[in-house]
PDB file of N, CA and C in Angstrom:
ATOM      1  N   MET A   1      19.005  -2.340   0.322  1.00  0.00           N
ATOM      2  CA  MET A   1      17.562  -1.819  -0.189  1.00  0.00           C
ATOM      3  C   MET A   1      17.106  -0.664   0.689  1.00  0.00           C
ATOM      4  N   THR A   2      16.652   0.540   0.222  1.00  0.00           N
ATOM      5  CA  THR A   2      16.474   1.470   0.744  1.00  0.00           C
ATOM      6  C   THR A   2      14.970   1.400   1.529  1.00  0.00           C
ATOM      7  N   LYS A   3      14.585   2.134   2.460  1.00  0.00           N
ATOM      8  CA  LYS A   3      13.644   2.121   3.232  1.00  0.00           C
ATOM      9  C   LYS A   3      12.509   2.320   2.289  1.00  0.00           C
ATOM     10  N   GLU A   4      12.285   3.093   1.537  1.00  0.00           N
ATOM     11  CA  GLU A   4      11.322   3.588   0.498  1.00  0.00           C
ATOM     12  C   GLU A   4      11.413   2.224  -0.321  1.00  0.00           C
ATOM     13  N   ASN A   5      12.244   1.507  -0.996  1.00  0.00           N
ATOM     14  CA  ASN A   5      11.772   0.443  -1.785  1.00  0.00           C
ATOM     15  C   ASN A   5      11.517  -0.730  -0.798  1.00  0.00           C
ATOM     16  N   ARG A   6      11.794  -0.980   0.362  1.00  0.00           N
ATOM     17  CA  ARG A   6      11.125  -1.913   0.869  1.00  0.00           C
ATOM     18  C   ARG A   6       9.645  -1.525   1.387  1.00  0.00           C
ATOM     19  N   ILE A   7       9.355  -0.335   1.421  1.00  0.00           N
ATOM     20  CA  ILE A   7       7.781   0.061   1.612  1.00  0.00           C
ATOM     21  C   ILE A   7       7.135  -0.270   0.423  1.00  0.00           C
ATOM     22  N   LEU A   8       7.670   0.080  -0.773  1.00  0.00           N
ATOM     23  CA  LEU A   8       7.333  -0.149  -2.072  1.00  0.00           C
ATOM     24  C   LEU A   8       6.953  -1.933  -2.354  1.00  0.00           C
ATOM     25  N   SER A   9       7.881  -2.506  -1.868  1.00  0.00           N
ATOM     26  CA  SER A   9       7.879  -3.930  -1.897  1.00  0.00           C
ATOM     27  C   SER A   9       6.889  -4.721  -1.115  1.00  0.00           C
ATOM     28  N   GLY A  10       6.623  -3.949   0.184  1.00  0.00           N
ATOM     29  CA  GLY A  10       5.810  -4.564   0.957  1.00  0.00           C
ATOM     30  C   GLY A  10       4.319  -4.068   0.481  1.00  0.00           C
ATOM     31  N   LEU A  11       4.099  -3.104  -0.269  1.00  0.00           N
ATOM     32  CA  LEU A  11       2.850  -2.323  -0.513  1.00  0.00           C
ATOM     33  C   LEU A  11       2.187  -3.696  -1.768  1.00  0.00           C
ATOM     34  N   GLN A  12       3.443  -3.585  -2.653  1.00  0.00           N
ATOM     35  CA  GLN A  12       3.018  -4.848  -3.624  1.00  0.00           C
ATOM     36  C   GLN A  12       2.485  -5.967  -3.259  1.00  0.00           C
ATOM     37  N   THR A  13       3.077  -6.372  -2.155  1.00  0.00           N
ATOM     38  CA  THR A  13       2.834  -7.742  -1.906  1.00  0.00           C
ATOM     39  C   THR A  13       1.392  -7.825  -0.589  1.00  0.00           C
ATOM     40  N   GLY A  14       0.739  -6.447  -0.578  1.00  0.00           N
ATOM     41  CA  GLY A  14      -0.794  -6.286  -0.091  1.00  0.00           C
ATOM     42  C   GLY A  14      -0.524  -5.811   1.232  1.00  0.00           C
ATOM     43  N   LYS A  15       0.660  -5.646   1.861  1.00  0.00           N
ATOM     44  CA  LYS A  15       1.153  -5.016   3.151  1.00  0.00           C
ATOM     45  C   LYS A  15       0.451  -4.066   3.797  1.00  0.00           C
ATOM     46  N   THR A  16      -0.275  -4.088   4.967  1.00  0.00           N
ATOM     47  CA  THR A  16      -0.809  -2.510   5.395  1.00  0.00           C
ATOM     48  C   THR A  16       0.198  -1.777   6.005  1.00  0.00           C
ATOM     49  N   PRO A  17       0.196  -0.335   6.353  1.00  0.00           N
ATOM     50  CA  PRO A  17       0.977   0.492   6.709  1.00  0.00           C
ATOM     51  C   PRO A  17       1.441  -0.206   8.370  1.00  0.00           C
ATOM     52  N   ASP A  18       0.322  -0.609   8.969  1.00  0.00           N
ATOM     53  CA  ASP A  18       0.681  -1.238  10.320  1.00  0.00           C
ATOM     54  C   ASP A  18       1.385  -2.570  10.276  1.00  0.00           C
ATOM     55  N   GLU A  19       1.461  -3.382   9.182  1.00  0.00           N
ATOM     56  CA  GLU A  19       2.367  -4.489   9.178  1.00  0.00           C
ATOM     57  C   GLU A  19       3.697  -4.123   8.623  1.00  0.00           C
ATOM     58  N   LEU A  20       3.585  -3.052   7.756  1.00  0.00           N
ATOM     59  CA  LEU A  20       5.263  -2.408   7.313  1.00  0.00           C
ATOM     60  C   LEU A  20       5.478  -1.762   8.572  1.00  0.00           C
ATOM     61  N   ALA A  21       4.777  -1.165   9.165  1.00  0.00           N
ATOM     62  CA  ALA A  21       5.527  -0.371  10.645  1.00  0.00           C
ATOM     63  C   ALA A  21       6.314  -1.521  11.570  1.00  0.00           C
ATOM     64  N   GLU A  22       5.414  -2.545  11.474  1.00  0.00           N
ATOM     65  CA  GLU A  22       6.168  -3.482  12.625  1.00  0.00           C
ATOM     66  C   GLU A  22       7.293  -4.056  12.098  1.00  0.00           C
ATOM     67  N   GLU A  23       7.213  -4.761  10.927  1.00  0.00           N
ATOM     68  CA  GLU A  23       8.214  -5.461  10.191  1.00  0.00           C
ATOM     69  C   GLU A  23       9.614  -4.453   9.894  1.00  0.00           C
ATOM     70  N   LEU A  24       9.248  -3.320   9.665  1.00  0.00           N
ATOM     71  CA  LEU A  24      10.377  -2.469   9.188  1.00  0.00           C
ATOM     72  C   LEU A  24      11.105  -1.617  10.861  1.00  0.00           C
ATOM     73  N   GLY A  25      10.254  -2.062  12.276  1.00  0.00           N
ATOM     74  CA  GLY A  25      10.735  -1.392  13.275  1.00  0.00           C
ATOM     75  C   GLY A  25      10.539   0.250  13.115  1.00  0.00           C
ATOM     76  N   MET A  26       9.162   0.749  12.245  1.00  0.00           N
ATOM     77  CA  MET A  26       9.189   2.079  12.401  1.00  0.00           C
ATOM     78  C   MET A  26       7.669   2.414  13.010  1.00  0.00           C
ATOM     79  N   ARG A  27       7.526   3.736  13.204  1.00  0.00           N
ATOM     80  CA  ARG A  27       6.186   3.988  13.842  1.00  0.00           C
ATOM     81  C   ARG A  27       5.141   3.943  12.528  1.00  0.00           C
ATOM     82  N   LYS A  28       3.778   3.786  12.730  1.00  0.00           N
ATOM     83  CA  LYS A  28       3.223   3.804  11.552  1.00  0.00           C
ATOM     84  C   LYS A  28       2.925   5.321  10.986  1.00  0.00           C
ATOM     85  N   GLN A  29       3.025   5.937  11.995  1.00  0.00           N
ATOM     86  CA  GLN A  29       3.030   7.642  11.384  1.00  0.00           C
ATOM     87  C   GLN A  29       3.719   7.642  10.176  1.00  0.00           C
ATOM     88  N   THR A  30       5.050   7.248  10.665  1.00  0.00           N
ATOM     89  CA  THR A  30       6.070   7.646   9.718  1.00  0.00           C
ATOM     90  C   THR A  30       6.103   7.018   8.151  1.00  0.00           C
ATOM     91  N   ILE A  31       5.383   5.429   8.436  1.00  0.00           N
ATOM     92  CA  ILE A  31       5.120   4.718   7.342  1.00  0.00           C
ATOM     93  C   ILE A  31       4.150   5.443   6.506  1.00  0.00           C
ATOM     94  N   THR A  32       3.309   5.794   7.061  1.00  0.00           N
ATOM     95  CA  THR A  32       1.944   6.843   6.587  1.00  0.00           C
ATOM     96  C   THR A  32       2.536   7.994   5.850  1.00  0.00           C
ATOM     97  N   ALA A  33       3.335   8.586   6.490  1.00  0.00           N
ATOM     98  CA  ALA A  33       3.959   9.762   5.752  1.00  0.00           C
ATOM     99  C   ALA A  33       4.993   9.651   4.565  1.00  0.00           C
ATOM    100  N   MET A  34       5.626   8.763   4.727  1.00  0.00           N
ATOM    101  CA  MET A  34       6.204   8.081   3.344  1.00  0.00           C
ATOM    102  C   MET A  34       5.651   7.457   2.357  1.00  0.00           C
ATOM    103  N   VAL A  35       4.332   6.996   2.704  1.00  0.00           N
ATOM    104  CA  VAL A  35       3.111   6.216   1.724  1.00  0.00           C
ATOM    105  C   VAL A  35       2.673   7.469   0.667  1.00  0.00           C
ATOM    106  N   GLU A  36       2.146   8.443   1.602  1.00  0.00           N
ATOM    107  CA  GLU A  36       1.766   9.760   1.328  1.00  0.00           C
ATOM    108  C   GLU A  36       2.670  10.442   0.025  1.00  0.00           C
ATOM    109  N   LEU A  37       3.923  10.356   0.588  1.00  0.00           N
ATOM    110  CA  LEU A  37       5.017  10.837  -0.329  1.00  0.00           C
ATOM    111  C   LEU A  37       5.320  10.236  -1.503  1.00  0.00           C
ATOM    112  N   LEU A  38       4.959   8.637  -1.242  1.00  0.00           N
ATOM    113  CA  LEU A  38       5.113   7.906  -3.083  1.00  0.00           C
ATOM    114  C   LEU A  38       3.909   8.040  -3.536  1.00  0.00           C
ATOM    115  N   ILE A  39       2.958   8.610  -2.829  1.00  0.00           N
ATOM    116  CA  ILE A  39       1.570   8.569  -3.648  1.00  0.00           C
ATOM    117  C   ILE A  39       1.876  10.249  -4.435  1.00  0.00           C
ATOM    118  N   HIS A  40       2.294  11.215  -3.620  1.00  0.00           N
ATOM    119  CA  HIS A  40       2.319  12.212  -4.344  1.00  0.00           C
ATOM    120  C   HIS A  40       3.433  12.295  -5.538  1.00  0.00           C
ATOM    121  N   GLN A  41       4.532  11.149  -5.152  1.00  0.00           N
ATOM    122  CA  GLN A  41       5.584  10.828  -6.359  1.00  0.00           C
ATOM    123  C   GLN A  41       4.902  10.229  -7.846  1.00  0.00           C
ATOM    124  N   GLY A  42       3.764  10.127  -7.470  1.00  0.00           N
ATOM    125  CA  GLY A  42       3.181   9.101  -8.621  1.00  0.00           C
ATOM    126  C   GLY A  42       3.543   7.265  -8.470  1.00  0.00           C
ATOM    127  N   LEU A  43       4.363   7.171  -7.691  1.00  0.00           N
ATOM    128  CA  LEU A  43       4.400   5.763  -7.283  1.00  0.00           C
ATOM    129  C   LEU A  43       3.737   4.759  -6.987  1.00  0.00           C
ATOM    130  N   VAL A  44       2.643   5.342  -6.024  1.00  0.00           N
ATOM    131  CA  VAL A  44       1.679   4.445  -5.463  1.00  0.00           C
ATOM    132  C   VAL A  44       0.252   5.176  -5.669  1.00  0.00           C
ATOM    133  N   LYS A  45      -0.663   4.116  -5.864  1.00  0.00           N
ATOM    134  CA  LYS A  45      -1.883   4.648  -5.953  1.00  0.00           C
ATOM    135  C   LYS A  45      -2.618   4.133  -5.017  1.00  0.00           C
ATOM    136  N   GLU A  46      -3.668   4.872  -4.403  1.00  0.00           N
ATOM    137  CA  GLU A  46      -4.420   4.433  -3.266  1.00  0.00           C
ATOM    138  C   GLU A  46      -5.757   4.371  -3.799  1.00  0.00           C
ATOM    139  N   ILE A  47      -6.340   2.799  -3.225  1.00  0.00           N
ATOM    140  CA  ILE A  47      -7.753   2.580  -3.700  1.00  0.00           C
ATOM    141  C   ILE A  47      -8.683   2.612  -2.444  1.00  0.00           C
ATOM    142  N   ASP A  48      -9.931   3.282  -2.042  1.00  0.00           N
ATOM    143  CA  ASP A  48     -10.767   3.138  -1.039  1.00  0.00           C
ATOM    144  C   ASP A  48     -11.239   1.892  -1.102  1.00  0.00           C
ATOM    145  N   CYS A  49     -11.092   1.218   0.185  1.00  0.00           N
ATOM    146  CA  CYS A  49     -12.013   0.054   0.007  1.00  0.00           C
ATOM    147  C   CYS A  49     -12.929   0.270   1.174  1.00  0.00           C
ATOM    148  N   SER A  50     -13.388   1.338   1.241  1.00  0.00           N
ATOM    149  CA  SER A  50     -14.667   1.334   2.326  1.00  0.00           C
ATOM    150  C   SER A  50     -15.860   0.897   1.715  1.00  0.00           C
ATOM    151  N   SER A  51     -15.696   1.069   0.124  1.00  0.00           N
ATOM    152  CA  SER A  51     -17.274   0.784  -0.554  1.00  0.00           C
ATOM    153  C   SER A  51     -17.255  -0.666  -0.928  1.00  0.00           C
ATOM    154  N   ALA A  52     -17.879  -1.158  -1.351  1.00  0.00           N
ATOM    155  CA  ALA A  52     -18.276  -2.598  -1.858  1.00  0.00           C
ATOM    156  C   ALA A  52     -17.359  -2.872  -2.663  1.00  0.00           C
ATOM    157  N   CYS A  53     -16.699  -4.301  -2.622  1.00  0.00           N
ATOM    158  CA  CYS A  53     -15.598  -4.671  -3.436  1.00  0.00           C
ATOM    159  C   CYS A  53     -15.969  -4.828  -4.762  1.00  0.00           C
ATOM    160  N   LYS A  54     -17.231  -5.013  -5.049  1.00  0.00           N
ATOM    161  CA  LYS A  54     -17.693  -5.148  -6.628  1.00  0.00           C
ATOM    162  C   LYS A  54     -17.618  -3.608  -7.293  1.00  0.00           C
ATOM    163  N   SER A  55     -17.360  -2.435  -6.689  1.00  0.00           N
ATOM    164  CA  SER A  55     -17.730  -1.523  -7.329  1.00  0.00           C
ATOM    165  C   SER A  55     -15.899  -0.780  -7.413  1.00  0.00           C
ATOM    166  N   CYS A  56     -14.836  -1.585  -7.094  1.00  0.00           N
ATOM    167  CA  CYS A  56     -13.750  -1.485  -6.817  1.00  0.00           C
ATOM    168  C   CYS A  56     -12.934  -1.763  -8.202  1.00  0.00           C
ATOM    169  N   ILE A  57     -11.989  -1.078  -8.442  1.00  0.00           N
ATOM    170  CA  ILE A  57     -11.541  -1.185  -9.740  1.00  0.00           C
ATOM    171  C   ILE A  57     -10.283  -2.692  -9.573  1.00  0.00           C
ATOM    172  N   MET A  58     -10.310  -2.972  -8.107  1.00  0.00           N
ATOM    173  CA  MET A  58      -9.315  -4.423  -7.967  1.00  0.00           C
ATOM    174  C   MET A  58     -10.332  -5.448  -7.523  1.00  0.00           C
ATOM    175  N   GLY A  59     -11.691  -5.305  -7.481  1.00  0.00           N
ATOM    176  CA  GLY A  59     -12.540  -6.442  -6.804  1.00  0.00           C
ATOM    177  C   GLY A  59     -12.181  -7.734  -7.425  1.00  0.00           C
ATOM    178  N   LYS A  60     -11.790  -7.535  -8.909  1.00  0.00           N
ATOM    179  CA  LYS A  60     -11.924  -8.981  -9.040  1.00  0.00           C
ATOM    180  C   LYS A  60     -10.509  -9.627  -8.814  1.00  0.00           C
ATOM    181  N   SER A  61      -9.226  -8.657  -8.665  1.00  0.00           N
ATOM    182  CA  SER A  61      -8.196  -9.394  -8.477  1.00  0.00           C
ATOM    183  C   SER A  61      -7.793  -9.498  -6.920  1.00  0.00           C
ATOM    184  N   CYS A  62      -8.631  -8.851  -6.393  1.00  0.00           N
ATOM    185  CA  CYS A  62      -7.974  -8.670  -5.122  1.00  0.00           C
ATOM    186  C   CYS A  62      -8.591 -10.194  -4.272  1.00  0.00           C
ATOM    187  N   ALA A  63      -9.712 -10.584  -4.627  1.00  0.00           N
ATOM    188  CA  ALA A  63     -10.139 -11.870  -4.204  1.00  0.00           C
ATOM    189  C   ALA A  63     -10.457 -11.917  -2.883  1.00  0.00           C
ATOM    190  N   GLY A  64     -11.260 -10.650  -2.209  1.00  0.00           N
ATOM    191  CA  GLY A  64     -11.393 -10.395  -0.650  1.00  0.00           C
ATOM    192  C   GLY A  64     -10.116 -10.172   0.464  1.00  0.00           C
ATOM    193  N   THR A  65      -9.094  -9.802  -0.405  1.00  0.00           N
ATOM    194  CA  THR A  65      -7.834  -9.568   0.301  1.00  0.00           C
ATOM    195  C   THR A  65      -8.066  -8.348   0.931  1.00  0.00           C
ATOM    196  N   GLY A  66      -8.529  -7.496   0.237  1.00  0.00           N
ATOM    197  CA  GLY A  66      -8.928  -5.996   0.736  1.00  0.00           C
ATOM    198  C   GLY A  66     -10.245  -6.014   1.701  1.00  0.00           C
ATOM    199  N   ALA A  67     -10.783  -7.121   1.898  1.00  0.00           N
ATOM    200  CA  ALA A  67     -12.098  -7.019   3.092  1.00  0.00           C
ATOM    201  C   ALA A  67     -11.900  -6.426   4.061  1.00  0.00           C
ATOM    202  N   GLY A  68     -12.455  -5.727   4.767  1.00  0.00           N
ATOM    203  CA  GLY A  68     -12.192  -4.902   6.002  1.00  0.00           C
ATOM    204  C   GLY A  68     -11.208  -4.124   5.980  1.00  0.00           C
ATOM    205  N   ARG A  69     -10.249  -3.962   4.889  1.00  0.00           N
ATOM    206  CA  ARG A  69      -9.620  -2.441   4.782  1.00  0.00           C
ATOM    207  C   ARG A  69     -10.310  -1.545   4.657  1.00  0.00           C
ATOM    208  N   GLU A  70      -9.597  -0.526   5.142  1.00  0.00           N
ATOM    209  CA  GLU A  70     -10.068   1.280   4.733  1.00  0.00           C
ATOM    210  C   GLU A  70      -9.462   1.257   3.096  1.00  0.00           C
ATOM    211  N   LYS A  71      -8.110   1.103   3.058  1.00  0.00           N
ATOM    212  CA  LYS A  71      -7.381   1.398   1.591  1.00  0.00           C
ATOM    213  C   LYS A  71      -6.469   0.025   1.478  1.00  0.00           C
ATOM    214  N   LEU A  72      -6.072   0.369   0.189  1.00  0.00           N
ATOM    215  CA  LEU A  72      -5.220  -0.564  -0.553  1.00  0.00           C
ATOM    216  C   LEU A  72      -4.341   0.238  -1.659  1.00  0.00           C
ATOM    217  N   TYR A  73      -3.269  -0.335  -1.360  1.00  0.00           N
ATOM    218  CA  TYR A  73      -2.048   0.661  -1.967  1.00  0.00           C
ATOM    219  C   TYR A  73      -1.550  -0.252  -3.121  1.00  0.00           C
ATOM    220  N   ILE A  74      -1.459   0.393  -4.879  1.00  0.00           N
ATOM    221  CA  ILE A  74      -1.114  -0.351  -5.708  1.00  0.00           C
ATOM    222  C   ILE A  74       0.371   0.264  -6.116  1.00  0.00           C
ATOM    223  N   VAL A  75       1.375  -0.261  -6.417  1.00  0.00           N
ATOM    224  CA  VAL A  75       2.414   0.223  -6.779  1.00  0.00           C
ATOM    225  C   VAL A  75       2.717   0.496  -8.190  1.00  0.00           C
ATOM    226  N   GLU A  76       2.961   1.709  -8.744  1.00  0.00           N
ATOM    227  CA  GLU A  76       2.523   2.064  -9.993  1.00  0.00           C
ATOM    228  C   GLU A  76       3.851   1.802 -11.053  1.00  0.00           C
ATOM    229  N   ASP A  77       4.783   1.677 -10.453  1.00  0.00           N
ATOM    230  CA  ASP A  77       6.171   1.796 -11.524  1.00  0.00           C
ATOM    231  C   ASP A  77       7.015   0.729 -10.951  1.00  0.00           C
ATOM    232  N   GLU A  78       7.903   0.345 -11.920  1.00  0.00           N
ATOM    233  CA  GLU A  78       9.217  -0.967 -11.343  1.00  0.00           C
ATOM    234  C   GLU A  78       9.754  -0.325 -10.362  1.00  0.00           C
ATOM    235  N   ILE A  79      10.243  -0.948  -8.978  1.00  0.00           N
ATOM    236  CA  ILE A  79      11.256  -0.793  -8.007  1.00  0.00           C
ATOM    237  C   ILE A  79      12.648  -1.096  -8.834  1.00  0.00           C
ATOM    238  N   GLU A  80      13.329   0.256  -8.177  1.00  0.00           N
ATOM    239  CA  GLU A  80      14.726   0.356  -8.646  1.00  0.00           C
ATOM    240  C   GLU A  80      15.480  -0.021  -7.158  1.00  0.00           C
ATOM    241  N   GLU A  81      16.573  -1.116  -7.437  1.00  0.00           N
ATOM    242  CA  GLU A  81      17.117  -1.327  -6.139  1.00  0.00           C
ATOM    243  C   GLU A  81      18.254  -0.782  -6.141  1.00  0.00           C
TER     244      GLU A  81
END
């Protein structure tokens, strides 16, 4: 599995860039840059979690897992391995 696919898989499970960096043995800045590229490619959507959960499109399904986060990432397409 490529690093890009491992990042996508991690984002699907709700992992943060910090968690992915530690898990993959990479710098957070590298993960953040790769996530930004995935967003640009339309594979990932970024949700701003700094506002109240009730106004978030993921508010009901998040069930508080996004609480305290600044951002949440949603994978848009299926991952090809």
